[in-house]
Amino acid sequence: MKFKIDENLPVEFAKLLADFGHDADTVHDERLVGAPDSVVIVTCKTERRCLVTLDLDFSDMRAYPPSDLHGLIIFRLRRQDKSHLIEIARRLIPLLETEPLEQRIWIVDEERVRIRGGE
């Protein structure tokens, strides 16, 4: 799978995903830091990448309909320090093998993953 790691997440997410055989780059890699959400999402669509982010604006399904996306993973965590984020991301990796991302929004918290879209 192909992923784009948003600027609000540790760049280590890209390495973590790559270690499990995924193609991951970052907003930093493409010099999109500070770019509007619309530019980031268009880049993800063009590259056919799933965006991984902390930005809750992307959870607005009217603005970002799942049917238009190659996947979107939004972390909604009580703690957002690097070690906690990476721990939660590690727990998410096995789910990538069993649940489709295409045309879906995954909302990830400490206890569960809610999947929206794909209807």
C-alpha atoms as a PDB file:
ATOM      1  CA  MET A   1       0.000   0.000   0.000  1.00  0.00           C
ATOM      2  CA  LYS A   2       1.026   3.601  -0.530  1.00  0.00           C
ATOM      3  CA  PHE A   3       0.916   6.180   2.257  1.00  0.00           C
ATOM      4  CA  LYS A   4       1.588   9.879   2.778  1.00  0.00           C
ATOM      5  CA  ILE A   5       2.451  10.915   6.347  1.00  0.00           C
ATOM      6  CA  ASP A   6       1.127  14.371   7.224  1.00  0.00           C
ATOM      7  CA  GLU A   7       3.343  17.027   8.790  1.00  0.00           C
ATOM      8  CA  ASN A   8       1.678  16.650  12.197  1.00  0.00           C
ATOM      9  CA  LEU A   9       2.943  13.076  12.640  1.00  0.00           C
ATOM     10  CA  PRO A  10       6.477  11.833  13.305  1.00  0.00           C
ATOM     11  CA  VAL A  11       8.424  11.144  10.117  1.00  0.00           C
ATOM     12  CA  GLU A  12       9.260   7.781  11.728  1.00  0.00           C
ATOM     13  CA  PHE A  13       5.790   6.634  10.606  1.00  0.00           C
ATOM     14  CA  ALA A  14       7.159   6.362   7.050  1.00  0.00           C
ATOM     15  CA  LYS A  15       9.977   4.063   8.175  1.00  0.00           C
ATOM     16  CA  LEU A  16       7.605   1.980  10.291  1.00  0.00           C
ATOM     17  CA  LEU A  17       5.311   1.413   7.311  1.00  0.00           C
ATOM     18  CA  ALA A  18       8.269   0.753   4.999  1.00  0.00           C
ATOM     19  CA  ASP A  19       9.588  -1.853   7.448  1.00  0.00           C
ATOM     20  CA  PHE A  20       6.328  -3.743   6.844  1.00  0.00           C
ATOM     21  CA  GLY A  21       6.636  -3.531   3.059  1.00  0.00           C
ATOM     22  CA  HIS A  22       4.574  -0.431   2.374  1.00  0.00           C
ATOM     23  CA  ASP A  23       5.511   2.560   0.217  1.00  0.00           C
ATOM     24  CA  ALA A  24       5.423   5.587   2.520  1.00  0.00           C
ATOM     25  CA  ASP A  25       6.592   9.136   2.092  1.00  0.00           C
ATOM     26  CA  THR A  26       5.967  12.316   4.030  1.00  0.00           C
ATOM     27  CA  VAL A  27       4.584  15.763   3.426  1.00  0.00           C
ATOM     28  CA  HIS A  28       8.103  16.905   4.354  1.00  0.00           C
ATOM     29  CA  ASP A  29       9.582  14.815   1.497  1.00  0.00           C
ATOM     30  CA  GLU A  30       7.520  16.712  -1.063  1.00  0.00           C
ATOM     31  CA  ARG A  31       7.964  20.148   0.478  1.00  0.00           C
ATOM     32  CA  LEU A  32       4.259  20.401   1.265  1.00  0.00           C
ATOM     33  CA  VAL A  33       4.734  21.535   4.864  1.00  0.00           C
ATOM     34  CA  GLY A  34       2.237  24.320   5.507  1.00  0.00           C
ATOM     35  CA  ALA A  35       0.303  23.577   2.303  1.00  0.00           C
ATOM     36  CA  PRO A  36      -3.484  23.835   2.494  1.00  0.00           C
ATOM     37  CA  ASP A  37      -5.364  20.599   3.193  1.00  0.00           C
ATOM     38  CA  SER A  38      -6.820  20.752  -0.328  1.00  0.00           C
ATOM     39  CA  VAL A  39      -3.314  20.612  -1.846  1.00  0.00           C
ATOM     40  CA  VAL A  40      -2.281  17.717   0.383  1.00  0.00           C
ATOM     41  CA  ILE A  41      -5.397  15.697  -0.456  1.00  0.00           C
ATOM     42  CA  VAL A  42      -5.063  16.345  -4.206  1.00  0.00           C
ATOM     43  CA  THR A  43      -1.442  15.185  -4.015  1.00  0.00           C
ATOM     44  CA  CYS A  44      -2.574  12.002  -2.257  1.00  0.00           C
ATOM     45  CA  LYS A  45      -5.242  11.391  -4.902  1.00  0.00           C
ATOM     46  CA  THR A  46      -2.763  11.961  -7.743  1.00  0.00           C
ATOM     47  CA  GLU A  47      -0.217   9.622  -6.171  1.00  0.00           C
ATOM     48  CA  ARG A  48      -2.922   7.129  -5.126  1.00  0.00           C
ATOM     49  CA  ARG A  49      -1.780   7.328  -1.489  1.00  0.00           C
ATOM     50  CA  CYS A  50      -3.622   6.984   1.791  1.00  0.00           C
ATOM     51  CA  LEU A  51      -3.117  10.064   3.958  1.00  0.00           C
ATOM     52  CA  VAL A  52      -2.155   9.411   7.596  1.00  0.00           C
ATOM     53  CA  THR A  53      -2.815  12.423   9.830  1.00  0.00           C
ATOM     54  CA  LEU A  54      -3.845  13.931  13.149  1.00  0.00           C
ATOM     55  CA  ASP A  55      -5.840  16.644  11.371  1.00  0.00           C
ATOM     56  CA  LEU A  56      -9.498  16.190  12.321  1.00  0.00           C
ATOM     57  CA  ASP A  57     -10.591  18.515   9.496  1.00  0.00           C
ATOM     58  CA  PHE A  58     -10.180  15.519   7.183  1.00  0.00           C
ATOM     59  CA  SER A  59     -12.921  13.636   9.077  1.00  0.00           C
ATOM     60  CA  ASP A  60     -15.549  15.909   7.448  1.00  0.00           C
ATOM     61  CA  MET A  61     -17.049  13.454   4.980  1.00  0.00           C
ATOM     62  CA  ARG A  62     -18.814  16.248   3.083  1.00  0.00           C
ATOM     63  CA  ALA A  63     -15.499  17.947   2.309  1.00  0.00           C
ATOM     64  CA  TYR A  64     -13.545  14.694   1.910  1.00  0.00           C
ATOM     65  CA  PRO A  65     -15.939  11.965   0.765  1.00  0.00           C
ATOM     66  CA  PRO A  66     -14.415   8.513   1.238  1.00  0.00           C
ATOM     67  CA  SER A  67     -15.444   7.562  -2.304  1.00  0.00           C
ATOM     68  CA  ASP A  68     -12.925  10.145  -3.602  1.00  0.00           C
ATOM     69  CA  LEU A  69     -10.013   8.861  -1.516  1.00  0.00           C
ATOM     70  CA  HIS A  70      -7.400   6.133  -1.670  1.00  0.00           C
ATOM     71  CA  GLY A  71      -7.773   5.924   2.063  1.00  0.00           C
ATOM     72  CA  LEU A  72      -7.460   8.196   5.044  1.00  0.00           C
ATOM     73  CA  ILE A  73      -6.232   7.287   8.524  1.00  0.00           C
ATOM     74  CA  ILE A  74      -6.917   9.876  11.212  1.00  0.00           C
ATOM     75  CA  PHE A  75      -5.400   9.443  14.664  1.00  0.00           C
ATOM     76  CA  ARG A  76      -7.607  10.843  17.406  1.00  0.00           C
ATOM     77  CA  LEU A  77      -5.612  10.218  20.552  1.00  0.00           C
ATOM     78  CA  ARG A  78      -5.663  11.628  24.055  1.00  0.00           C
ATOM     79  CA  ARG A  79      -1.854  11.693  24.100  1.00  0.00           C
ATOM     80  CA  GLN A  80       0.061  12.823  21.055  1.00  0.00           C
ATOM     81  CA  ASP A  81       3.675  12.407  22.125  1.00  0.00           C
ATOM     82  CA  LYS A  82       5.902  10.607  19.628  1.00  0.00           C
ATOM     83  CA  SER A  83       6.300   7.347  21.560  1.00  0.00           C
ATOM     84  CA  HIS A  84       2.540   6.986  22.072  1.00  0.00           C
ATOM     85  CA  LEU A  85       1.781   7.750  18.417  1.00  0.00           C
ATOM     86  CA  ILE A  86       4.289   5.155  17.243  1.00  0.00           C
ATOM     87  CA  GLU A  87       2.960   2.565  19.705  1.00  0.00           C
ATOM     88  CA  ILE A  88      -0.598   3.014  18.383  1.00  0.00           C
ATOM     89  CA  ALA A  89       0.638   2.930  14.773  1.00  0.00           C
ATOM     90  CA  ARG A  90       2.437  -0.387  15.429  1.00  0.00           C
ATOM     91  CA  ARG A  91      -0.809  -1.875  16.716  1.00  0.00           C
ATOM     92  CA  LEU A  92      -2.555  -0.700  13.533  1.00  0.00           C
ATOM     93  CA  ILE A  93      -0.150  -2.458  11.122  1.00  0.00           C
ATOM     94  CA  PRO A  94      -1.818  -5.933  11.251  1.00  0.00           C
ATOM     95  CA  LEU A  95      -5.200  -4.383  10.414  1.00  0.00           C
ATOM     96  CA  LEU A  96      -3.746  -3.072   7.141  1.00  0.00           C
ATOM     97  CA  GLU A  97      -3.527  -6.687   5.983  1.00  0.00           C
ATOM     98  CA  THR A  98      -7.169  -7.521   6.707  1.00  0.00           C
ATOM     99  CA  GLU A  99      -9.237  -4.364   6.141  1.00  0.00           C
ATOM    100  CA  PRO A 100      -9.440  -2.348   2.910  1.00  0.00           C
ATOM    101  CA  LEU A 101      -8.412   1.313   2.930  1.00  0.00           C
ATOM    102  CA  GLU A 102      -9.642   2.351  -0.496  1.00  0.00           C
ATOM    103  CA  GLN A 103     -12.656   4.684  -0.225  1.00  0.00           C
ATOM    104  CA  ARG A 104     -12.596   4.515   3.570  1.00  0.00           C
ATOM    105  CA  ILE A 105     -11.751   6.763   6.485  1.00  0.00           C
ATOM    106  CA  TRP A 106     -10.245   5.080   9.518  1.00  0.00           C
ATOM    107  CA  ILE A 107     -10.573   6.945  12.815  1.00  0.00           C
ATOM    108  CA  VAL A 108      -8.016   5.509  15.236  1.00  0.00           C
ATOM    109  CA  ASP A 109      -8.082   5.997  18.995  1.00  0.00           C
ATOM    110  CA  GLU A 110      -6.474   4.123  21.865  1.00  0.00           C
ATOM    111  CA  GLU A 111      -9.208   1.482  22.064  1.00  0.00           C
ATOM    112  CA  ARG A 112     -10.500   0.947  18.542  1.00  0.00           C
ATOM    113  CA  VAL A 113     -10.545   1.771  14.854  1.00  0.00           C
ATOM    114  CA  ARG A 114     -13.798   3.060  13.384  1.00  0.00           C
ATOM    115  CA  ILE A 115     -14.082   2.603   9.634  1.00  0.00           C
ATOM    116  CA  ARG A 116     -16.377   4.899   7.667  1.00  0.00           C
ATOM    117  CA  GLY A 117     -17.222   4.716   3.981  1.00  0.00           C
ATOM    118  CA  GLY A 118     -17.007   1.796   1.620  1.00  0.00           C
ATOM    119  CA  GLU A 119     -20.762   1.501   1.346  1.00  0.00           C
END
